[in-house]
Amino acid sequence: MMVINWLLLGPNPCAKCFILSGYIWEFTIGIDHFPTQLIHPSYGAVWDNTTNESEAHGGGPWNCHCGISVTWELSDLENLIASMKDALQQ
């Protein structure tokens, strides 16, 4: 499992980033395709994974000190590798 969490990285965030703070996207390794953008159900595209920058403000270099953190749960990856190893041995 890969978990992406919207973070506030500084004081005085804009209203949109304040609302997004703590929002989580979850992706299952080996099942979900990693998207080029993180999509929020109310705000649409808010992060561009190809440029690694916020789109919450319309894209570009301006940022109100928001960001993302990425956490990996390695048990999913270990299970995927084990299943691939089993398939190769058959």
PDB file of N, CA and C in Angstrom:
ATOM      1  N   MET A   1       0.855  -1.179   0.000  1.00  0.00           N
ATOM      2  CA  MET A   1       0.000   0.000   0.000  1.00  0.00           C
ATOM      3  C   MET A   1       0.894   1.233   0.000  1.00  0.00           C
ATOM      4  N   MET A   2       0.529   2.176  -0.813  1.00  0.00           N
ATOM      5  CA  MET A   2       1.188   3.477  -0.806  1.00  0.00           C
ATOM      6  C   MET A   2       0.140   4.484  -0.356  1.00  0.00           C
ATOM      7  N   VAL A   3       0.469   5.265   0.647  1.00  0.00           N
ATOM      8  CA  VAL A   3      -0.446   6.266   1.188  1.00  0.00           C
ATOM      9  C   VAL A   3       0.174   7.644   0.959  1.00  0.00           C
ATOM     10  N   ILE A   4      -0.591   8.531   0.332  1.00  0.00           N
ATOM     11  CA  ILE A   4      -0.145   9.912   0.103  1.00  0.00           C
ATOM     12  C   ILE A   4      -1.038  10.824   0.924  1.00  0.00           C
ATOM     13  N   ASN A   5      -0.418  11.687   1.704  1.00  0.00           N
ATOM     14  CA  ASN A   5      -1.130  12.567   2.630  1.00  0.00           C
ATOM     15  C   ASN A   5      -0.825  14.025   2.269  1.00  0.00           C
ATOM     16  N   TRP A   6      -1.862  14.856   2.149  1.00  0.00           N
ATOM     17  CA  TRP A   6      -1.685  16.294   1.883  1.00  0.00           C
ATOM     18  C   TRP A   6      -1.241  16.969   3.170  1.00  0.00           C
ATOM     19  N   LEU A   7      -0.177  17.764   3.079  1.00  0.00           N
ATOM     20  CA  LEU A   7       0.397  18.401   4.264  1.00  0.00           C
ATOM     21  C   LEU A   7       0.449  19.914   4.133  1.00  0.00           C
ATOM     22  N   LEU A   8       0.390  20.573   5.266  1.00  0.00           N
ATOM     23  CA  LEU A   8       0.699  22.004   5.339  1.00  0.00           C
ATOM     24  C   LEU A   8       2.141  22.106   5.812  1.00  0.00           C
ATOM     25  N   LEU A   9       2.982  22.805   5.050  1.00  0.00           N
ATOM     26  CA  LEU A   9       4.406  22.878   5.366  1.00  0.00           C
ATOM     27  C   LEU A   9       4.822  24.198   5.997  1.00  0.00           C
ATOM     28  N   GLY A  10       3.895  25.081   6.181  1.00  0.00           N
ATOM     29  CA  GLY A  10       4.238  26.366   6.773  1.00  0.00           C
ATOM     30  C   GLY A  10       3.001  27.056   7.323  1.00  0.00           C
ATOM     31  N   PRO A  11       3.211  28.195   7.953  1.00  0.00           N
ATOM     32  CA  PRO A  11       2.076  28.936   8.512  1.00  0.00           C
ATOM     33  C   PRO A  11       1.282  29.641   7.406  1.00  0.00           C
ATOM     34  N   ASN A  12       0.079  29.996   7.738  1.00  0.00           N
ATOM     35  CA  ASN A  12      -0.785  30.788   6.861  1.00  0.00           C
ATOM     36  C   ASN A  12      -1.044  30.157   5.495  1.00  0.00           C
ATOM     37  N   PRO A  13      -1.567  28.927   5.469  1.00  0.00           N
ATOM     38  CA  PRO A  13      -1.889  28.330   4.172  1.00  0.00           C
ATOM     39  C   PRO A  13      -3.105  29.014   3.564  1.00  0.00           C
ATOM     40  N   CYS A  14      -3.274  28.824   2.274  1.00  0.00           N
ATOM     41  CA  CYS A  14      -4.492  29.341   1.642  1.00  0.00           C
ATOM     42  C   CYS A  14      -5.672  28.490   2.113  1.00  0.00           C
ATOM     43  N   ALA A  15      -6.881  28.978   1.872  1.00  0.00           N
ATOM     44  CA  ALA A  15      -8.093  28.297   2.352  1.00  0.00           C
ATOM     45  C   ALA A  15      -8.226  26.900   1.758  1.00  0.00           C
ATOM     46  N   LYS A  16      -7.900  26.746   0.471  1.00  0.00           N
ATOM     47  CA  LYS A  16      -8.038  25.437  -0.176  1.00  0.00           C
ATOM     48  C   LYS A  16      -7.076  24.421   0.447  1.00  0.00           C
ATOM     49  N   CYS A  17      -5.830  24.813   0.652  1.00  0.00           N
ATOM     50  CA  CYS A  17      -4.857  23.886   1.237  1.00  0.00           C
ATOM     51  C   CYS A  17      -5.196  23.565   2.696  1.00  0.00           C
ATOM     52  N   PHE A  18      -5.774  24.521   3.394  1.00  0.00           N
ATOM     53  CA  PHE A  18      -6.195  24.258   4.769  1.00  0.00           C
ATOM     54  C   PHE A  18      -7.268  23.165   4.788  1.00  0.00           C
ATOM     55  N   ILE A  19      -8.206  23.237   3.860  1.00  0.00           N
ATOM     56  CA  ILE A  19      -9.267  22.228   3.766  1.00  0.00           C
ATOM     57  C   ILE A  19      -8.691  20.874   3.335  1.00  0.00           C
ATOM     58  N   LEU A  20      -7.726  20.889   2.409  1.00  0.00           N
ATOM     59  CA  LEU A  20      -7.112  19.655   1.922  1.00  0.00           C
ATOM     60  C   LEU A  20      -6.210  18.990   2.964  1.00  0.00           C
ATOM     61  N   SER A  21      -5.772  19.743   3.951  1.00  0.00           N
ATOM     62  CA  SER A  21      -4.828  19.215   4.943  1.00  0.00           C
ATOM     63  C   SER A  21      -5.335  17.915   5.563  1.00  0.00           C
ATOM     64  N   GLY A  22      -4.506  16.879   5.478  1.00  0.00           N
ATOM     65  CA  GLY A  22      -4.863  15.592   6.044  1.00  0.00           C
ATOM     66  C   GLY A  22      -5.595  14.669   5.084  1.00  0.00           C
ATOM     67  N   TYR A  23      -5.963  15.166   3.889  1.00  0.00           N
ATOM     68  CA  TYR A  23      -6.633  14.301   2.916  1.00  0.00           C
ATOM     69  C   TYR A  23      -5.667  13.196   2.491  1.00  0.00           C
ATOM     70  N   ILE A  24      -6.173  11.985   2.321  1.00  0.00           N
ATOM     71  CA  ILE A  24      -5.325  10.827   2.031  1.00  0.00           C
ATOM     72  C   ILE A  24      -5.783  10.146   0.743  1.00  0.00           C
ATOM     73  N   TRP A  25      -4.800   9.785  -0.088  1.00  0.00           N
ATOM     74  CA  TRP A  25      -5.009   8.926  -1.254  1.00  0.00           C
ATOM     75  C   TRP A  25      -4.304   7.609  -0.958  1.00  0.00           C
ATOM     76  N   GLU A  26      -4.938   6.487  -1.276  1.00  0.00           N
ATOM     77  CA  GLU A  26      -4.338   5.173  -1.051  1.00  0.00           C
ATOM     78  C   GLU A  26      -4.283   4.399  -2.368  1.00  0.00           C
ATOM     79  N   PHE A  27      -3.140   3.755  -2.602  1.00  0.00           N
ATOM     80  CA  PHE A  27      -2.941   2.963  -3.809  1.00  0.00           C
ATOM     81  C   PHE A  27      -2.375   1.606  -3.405  1.00  0.00           C
ATOM     82  N   THR A  28      -2.935   0.546  -3.964  1.00  0.00           N
ATOM     83  CA  THR A  28      -2.454  -0.800  -3.681  1.00  0.00           C
ATOM     84  C   THR A  28      -1.378  -1.162  -4.698  1.00  0.00           C
ATOM     85  N   ILE A  29      -0.207  -1.513  -4.203  1.00  0.00           N
ATOM     86  CA  ILE A  29       0.927  -1.850  -5.055  1.00  0.00           C
ATOM     87  C   ILE A  29       0.579  -3.081  -5.882  1.00  0.00           C
ATOM     88  N   GLY A  30       0.832  -3.011  -7.171  1.00  0.00           N
ATOM     89  CA  GLY A  30       0.579  -4.137  -8.061  1.00  0.00           C
ATOM     90  C   GLY A  30      -0.844  -4.191  -8.584  1.00  0.00           C
ATOM     91  N   ILE A  31      -1.726  -3.363  -8.069  1.00  0.00           N
ATOM     92  CA  ILE A  31      -3.124  -3.356  -8.526  1.00  0.00           C
ATOM     93  C   ILE A  31      -3.479  -1.984  -9.103  1.00  0.00           C
ATOM     94  N   ASP A  32      -3.282  -0.937  -8.324  1.00  0.00           N
ATOM     95  CA  ASP A  32      -3.611   0.418  -8.770  1.00  0.00           C
ATOM     96  C   ASP A  32      -2.461   0.990  -9.598  1.00  0.00           C
ATOM     97  N   HIS A  33      -2.815   1.687 -10.660  1.00  0.00           N
ATOM     98  CA  HIS A  33      -1.816   2.395 -11.448  1.00  0.00           C
ATOM     99  C   HIS A  33      -1.543   3.730 -10.778  1.00  0.00           C
ATOM    100  N   PHE A  34      -0.274   4.101 -10.679  1.00  0.00           N
ATOM    101  CA  PHE A  34       0.070   5.373 -10.060  1.00  0.00           C
ATOM    102  C   PHE A  34      -0.305   6.495 -11.025  1.00  0.00           C
ATOM    103  N   PRO A  35      -1.157   7.426 -10.603  1.00  0.00           N
ATOM    104  CA  PRO A  35      -1.649   8.458 -11.516  1.00  0.00           C
ATOM    105  C   PRO A  35      -0.624   9.577 -11.735  1.00  0.00           C
ATOM    106  N   THR A  36      -0.804  10.295 -12.840  1.00  0.00           N
ATOM    107  CA  THR A  36       0.054  11.458 -13.088  1.00  0.00           C
ATOM    108  C   THR A  36      -0.380  12.653 -12.243  1.00  0.00           C
ATOM    109  N   GLN A  37      -1.639  12.622 -11.763  1.00  0.00           N
ATOM    110  CA  GLN A  37      -2.143  13.691 -10.899  1.00  0.00           C
ATOM    111  C   GLN A  37      -2.895  13.082  -9.727  1.00  0.00           C
ATOM    112  N   LEU A  38      -2.854  13.782  -8.597  1.00  0.00           N
ATOM    113  CA  LEU A  38      -3.710  13.405  -7.474  1.00  0.00           C
ATOM    114  C   LEU A  38      -5.008  14.197  -7.628  1.00  0.00           C
ATOM    115  N   ILE A  39      -6.119  13.483  -7.616  1.00  0.00           N
ATOM    116  CA  ILE A  39      -7.430  14.097  -7.833  1.00  0.00           C
ATOM    117  C   ILE A  39      -8.206  14.095  -6.520  1.00  0.00           C
ATOM    118  N   HIS A  40      -8.715  15.253  -6.148  1.00  0.00           N
ATOM    119  CA  HIS A  40      -9.579  15.382  -4.975  1.00  0.00           C
ATOM    120  C   HIS A  40     -11.023  15.418  -5.479  1.00  0.00           C
ATOM    121  N   PRO A  41     -11.950  14.746  -4.789  1.00  0.00           N
ATOM    122  CA  PRO A  41     -13.332  14.685  -5.290  1.00  0.00           C
ATOM    123  C   PRO A  41     -14.023  16.044  -5.428  1.00  0.00           C
ATOM    124  N   SER A  42     -13.663  17.017  -4.619  1.00  0.00           N
ATOM    125  CA  SER A  42     -14.301  18.337  -4.706  1.00  0.00           C
ATOM    126  C   SER A  42     -13.484  19.349  -5.496  1.00  0.00           C
ATOM    127  N   TYR A  43     -12.158  19.226  -5.465  1.00  0.00           N
ATOM    128  CA  TYR A  43     -11.291  20.246  -6.058  1.00  0.00           C
ATOM    129  C   TYR A  43     -10.599  19.810  -7.338  1.00  0.00           C
ATOM    130  N   GLY A  44     -10.801  18.568  -7.760  1.00  0.00           N
ATOM    131  CA  GLY A  44     -10.164  18.097  -8.992  1.00  0.00           C
ATOM    132  C   GLY A  44      -8.681  17.849  -8.795  1.00  0.00           C
ATOM    133  N   ALA A  45      -7.908  18.084  -9.853  1.00  0.00           N
ATOM    134  CA  ALA A  45      -6.462  17.848  -9.806  1.00  0.00           C
ATOM    135  C   ALA A  45      -5.801  18.849  -8.852  1.00  0.00           C
ATOM    136  N   VAL A  46      -5.111  18.328  -7.842  1.00  0.00           N
ATOM    137  CA  VAL A  46      -4.458  19.207  -6.864  1.00  0.00           C
ATOM    138  C   VAL A  46      -2.942  18.991  -6.783  1.00  0.00           C
ATOM    139  N   TRP A  47      -2.439  17.900  -7.386  1.00  0.00           N
ATOM    140  CA  TRP A  47      -0.998  17.654  -7.341  1.00  0.00           C
ATOM    141  C   TRP A  47      -0.578  16.975  -8.637  1.00  0.00           C
ATOM    142  N   ASP A  48       0.519  17.467  -9.224  1.00  0.00           N
ATOM    143  CA  ASP A  48       1.066  16.883 -10.446  1.00  0.00           C
ATOM    144  C   ASP A  48       2.248  15.998 -10.072  1.00  0.00           C
ATOM    145  N   ASN A  49       2.102  14.690 -10.264  1.00  0.00           N
ATOM    146  CA  ASN A  49       3.171  13.759  -9.898  1.00  0.00           C
ATOM    147  C   ASN A  49       4.323  13.755 -10.885  1.00  0.00           C
ATOM    148  N   THR A  50       4.122  14.290 -12.088  1.00  0.00           N
ATOM    149  CA  THR A  50       5.207  14.324 -13.065  1.00  0.00           C
ATOM    150  C   THR A  50       6.171  15.472 -12.790  1.00  0.00           C
ATOM    151  N   THR A  51       5.658  16.582 -12.259  1.00  0.00           N
ATOM    152  CA  THR A  51       6.522  17.722 -11.925  1.00  0.00           C
ATOM    153  C   THR A  51       6.746  17.851 -10.421  1.00  0.00           C
ATOM    154  N   ASN A  52       6.008  17.044  -9.644  1.00  0.00           N
ATOM    155  CA  ASN A  52       6.106  17.056  -8.178  1.00  0.00           C
ATOM    156  C   ASN A  52       5.814  18.437  -7.590  1.00  0.00           C
ATOM    157  N   GLU A  53       4.705  19.027  -8.051  1.00  0.00           N
ATOM    158  CA  GLU A  53       4.304  20.320  -7.486  1.00  0.00           C
ATOM    159  C   GLU A  53       2.789  20.445  -7.406  1.00  0.00           C
ATOM    160  N   SER A  54       2.363  21.359  -6.558  1.00  0.00           N
ATOM    161  CA  SER A  54       0.946  21.585  -6.307  1.00  0.00           C
ATOM    162  C   SER A  54       0.256  22.171  -7.529  1.00  0.00           C
ATOM    163  N   GLU A  55      -0.944  21.694  -7.770  1.00  0.00           N
ATOM    164  CA  GLU A  55      -1.834  22.289  -8.772  1.00  0.00           C
ATOM    165  C   GLU A  55      -3.057  22.884  -8.088  1.00  0.00           C
ATOM    166  N   ALA A  56      -3.044  22.891  -6.765  1.00  0.00           N
ATOM    167  CA  ALA A  56      -4.188  23.402  -6.010  1.00  0.00           C
ATOM    168  C   ALA A  56      -4.443  24.867  -6.319  1.00  0.00           C
ATOM    169  N   HIS A  57      -3.424  25.562  -6.776  1.00  0.00           N
ATOM    170  CA  HIS A  57      -3.537  26.998  -7.070  1.00  0.00           C
ATOM    171  C   HIS A  57      -3.464  27.268  -8.559  1.00  0.00           C
ATOM    172  N   GLY A  58      -3.756  26.246  -9.367  1.00  0.00           N
ATOM    173  CA  GLY A  58      -3.717  26.422 -10.811  1.00  0.00           C
ATOM    174  C   GLY A  58      -2.384  26.032 -11.421  1.00  0.00           C
ATOM    175  N   GLY A  59      -1.521  25.379 -10.687  1.00  0.00           N
ATOM    176  CA  GLY A  59      -0.226  24.943 -11.207  1.00  0.00           C
ATOM    177  C   GLY A  59       0.804  26.045 -11.164  1.00  0.00           C
ATOM    178  N   GLY A  60       1.976  25.738 -11.646  1.00  0.00           N
ATOM    179  CA  GLY A  60       3.065  26.707 -11.657  1.00  0.00           C
ATOM    180  C   GLY A  60       3.879  26.650 -10.386  1.00  0.00           C
ATOM    181  N   PRO A  61       4.878  27.503 -10.294  1.00  0.00           N
ATOM    182  CA  PRO A  61       5.820  27.421  -9.190  1.00  0.00           C
ATOM    183  C   PRO A  61       5.295  27.978  -7.856  1.00  0.00           C
ATOM    184  N   TRP A  62       4.202  28.751  -7.879  1.00  0.00           N
ATOM    185  CA  TRP A  62       3.723  29.334  -6.630  1.00  0.00           C
ATOM    186  C   TRP A  62       3.143  28.264  -5.735  1.00  0.00           C
ATOM    187  N   ASN A  63       3.443  28.336  -4.475  1.00  0.00           N
ATOM    188  CA  ASN A  63       2.988  27.328  -3.525  1.00  0.00           C
ATOM    189  C   ASN A  63       2.781  28.015  -2.187  1.00  0.00           C
ATOM    190  N   CYS A  64       1.667  27.740  -1.525  1.00  0.00           N
ATOM    191  CA  CYS A  64       1.401  28.367  -0.230  1.00  0.00           C
ATOM    192  C   CYS A  64       1.968  27.518   0.911  1.00  0.00           C
ATOM    193  N   HIS A  65       3.034  26.798   0.638  1.00  0.00           N
ATOM    194  CA  HIS A  65       3.678  25.924   1.624  1.00  0.00           C
ATOM    195  C   HIS A  65       2.845  24.685   1.897  1.00  0.00           C
ATOM    196  N   CYS A  66       2.321  24.100   0.818  1.00  0.00           N
ATOM    197  CA  CYS A  66       1.638  22.823   0.930  1.00  0.00           C
ATOM    198  C   CYS A  66       2.506  21.767   0.264  1.00  0.00           C
ATOM    199  N   GLY A  67       2.252  20.530   0.572  1.00  0.00           N
ATOM    200  CA  GLY A  67       3.025  19.446  -0.015  1.00  0.00           C
ATOM    201  C   GLY A  67       2.374  18.117   0.278  1.00  0.00           C
ATOM    202  N   ILE A  68       3.078  17.054  -0.044  1.00  0.00           N
ATOM    203  CA  ILE A  68       2.568  15.715   0.215  1.00  0.00           C
ATOM    204  C   ILE A  68       3.641  14.897   0.920  1.00  0.00           C
ATOM    205  N   SER A  69       3.187  13.903   1.663  1.00  0.00           N
ATOM    206  CA  SER A  69       4.103  12.904   2.204  1.00  0.00           C
ATOM    207  C   SER A  69       3.676  11.558   1.634  1.00  0.00           C
ATOM    208  N   VAL A  70       4.650  10.697   1.385  1.00  0.00           N
ATOM    209  CA  VAL A  70       4.372   9.377   0.819  1.00  0.00           C
ATOM    210  C   VAL A  70       4.868   8.330   1.804  1.00  0.00           C
ATOM    211  N   THR A  71       3.988   7.388   2.134  1.00  0.00           N
ATOM    212  CA  THR A  71       4.323   6.300   3.041  1.00  0.00           C
ATOM    213  C   THR A  71       4.072   4.981   2.315  1.00  0.00           C
ATOM    214  N   TRP A  72       5.033   4.073   2.426  1.00  0.00           N
ATOM    215  CA  TRP A  72       4.922   2.760   1.793  1.00  0.00           C
ATOM    216  C   TRP A  72       4.718   1.703   2.856  1.00  0.00           C
ATOM    217  N   GLU A  73       3.762   0.808   2.607  1.00  0.00           N
ATOM    218  CA  GLU A  73       3.596  -0.367   3.447  1.00  0.00           C
ATOM    219  C   GLU A  73       4.212  -1.526   2.674  1.00  0.00           C
ATOM    220  N   LEU A  74       5.361  -1.985   3.114  1.00  0.00           N
ATOM    221  CA  LEU A  74       6.139  -2.934   2.332  1.00  0.00           C
ATOM    222  C   LEU A  74       5.551  -4.336   2.292  1.00  0.00           C
ATOM    223  N   SER A  75       4.615  -4.660   3.169  1.00  0.00           N
ATOM    224  CA  SER A  75       4.038  -6.004   3.136  1.00  0.00           C
ATOM    225  C   SER A  75       3.334  -6.270   1.809  1.00  0.00           C
ATOM    226  N   ASP A  76       2.712  -5.267   1.215  1.00  0.00           N
ATOM    227  CA  ASP A  76       2.077  -5.440  -0.096  1.00  0.00           C
ATOM    228  C   ASP A  76       3.120  -5.778  -1.154  1.00  0.00           C
ATOM    229  N   LEU A  77       4.236  -5.064  -1.122  1.00  0.00           N
ATOM    230  CA  LEU A  77       5.305  -5.306  -2.080  1.00  0.00           C
ATOM    231  C   LEU A  77       5.914  -6.688  -1.868  1.00  0.00           C
ATOM    232  N   GLU A  78       6.112  -7.067  -0.618  1.00  0.00           N
ATOM    233  CA  GLU A  78       6.643  -8.404  -0.318  1.00  0.00           C
ATOM    234  C   GLU A  78       5.701  -9.484  -0.830  1.00  0.00           C
ATOM    235  N   ASN A  79       4.395  -9.310  -0.648  1.00  0.00           N
ATOM    236  CA  ASN A  79       3.414 -10.280  -1.140  1.00  0.00           C
ATOM    237  C   ASN A  79       3.420 -10.361  -2.663  1.00  0.00           C
ATOM    238  N   LEU A  80       3.553  -9.219  -3.330  1.00  0.00           N
ATOM    239  CA  LEU A  80       3.599  -9.192  -4.782  1.00  0.00           C
ATOM    240  C   LEU A  80       4.843  -9.938  -5.281  1.00  0.00           C
ATOM    241  N   ILE A  81       5.982  -9.702  -4.663  1.00  0.00           N
ATOM    242  CA  ILE A  81       7.220 -10.379  -5.056  1.00  0.00           C
ATOM    243  C   ILE A  81       7.104 -11.878  -4.815  1.00  0.00           C
ATOM    244  N   ALA A  82       6.533 -12.267  -3.684  1.00  0.00           N
ATOM    245  CA  ALA A  82       6.357 -13.692  -3.383  1.00  0.00           C
ATOM    246  C   ALA A  82       5.453 -14.374  -4.401  1.00  0.00           C
ATOM    247  N   SER A  83       4.366 -13.701  -4.812  1.00  0.00           N
ATOM    248  CA  SER A  83       3.459 -14.299  -5.789  1.00  0.00           C
ATOM    249  C   SER A  83       4.132 -14.390  -7.164  1.00  0.00           C
ATOM    250  N   MET A  84       4.951 -13.406  -7.504  1.00  0.00           N
ATOM    251  CA  MET A  84       5.687 -13.458  -8.775  1.00  0.00           C
ATOM    252  C   MET A  84       6.717 -14.596  -8.740  1.00  0.00           C
ATOM    253  N   LYS A  85       7.374 -14.763  -7.612  1.00  0.00           N
ATOM    254  CA  LYS A  85       8.352 -15.841  -7.453  1.00  0.00           C
ATOM    255  C   LYS A  85       7.660 -17.197  -7.579  1.00  0.00           C
ATOM    256  N   ASP A  86       6.486 -17.349  -6.949  1.00  0.00           N
ATOM    257  CA  ASP A  86       5.732 -18.598  -7.039  1.00  0.00           C
ATOM    258  C   ASP A  86       5.313 -18.885  -8.487  1.00  0.00           C
ATOM    259  N   ALA A  87       4.900 -17.849  -9.194  1.00  0.00           N
ATOM    260  CA  ALA A  87       4.461 -18.027 -10.572  1.00  0.00           C
ATOM    261  C   ALA A  87       5.634 -18.457 -11.458  1.00  0.00           C
ATOM    262  N   LEU A  88       6.819 -17.934 -11.194  1.00  0.00           N
ATOM    263  CA  LEU A  88       7.985 -18.295 -11.989  1.00  0.00           C
ATOM    264  C   LEU A  88       8.444 -19.723 -11.723  1.00  0.00           C
ATOM    265  N   GLN A  89       8.198 -20.228 -10.532  1.00  0.00           N
ATOM    266  CA  GLN A  89       8.633 -21.568 -10.170  1.00  0.00           C
ATOM    267  C   GLN A  89       7.697 -22.654 -10.701  1.00  0.00           C
ATOM    268  N   GLN A  90       6.526 -22.276 -11.164  1.00  0.00           N
ATOM    269  CA  GLN A  90       5.557 -23.275 -11.661  1.00  0.00           C
ATOM    270  C   GLN A  90       5.825 -23.660 -13.088  1.00  0.00           C
TER     271      GLN A  90
END
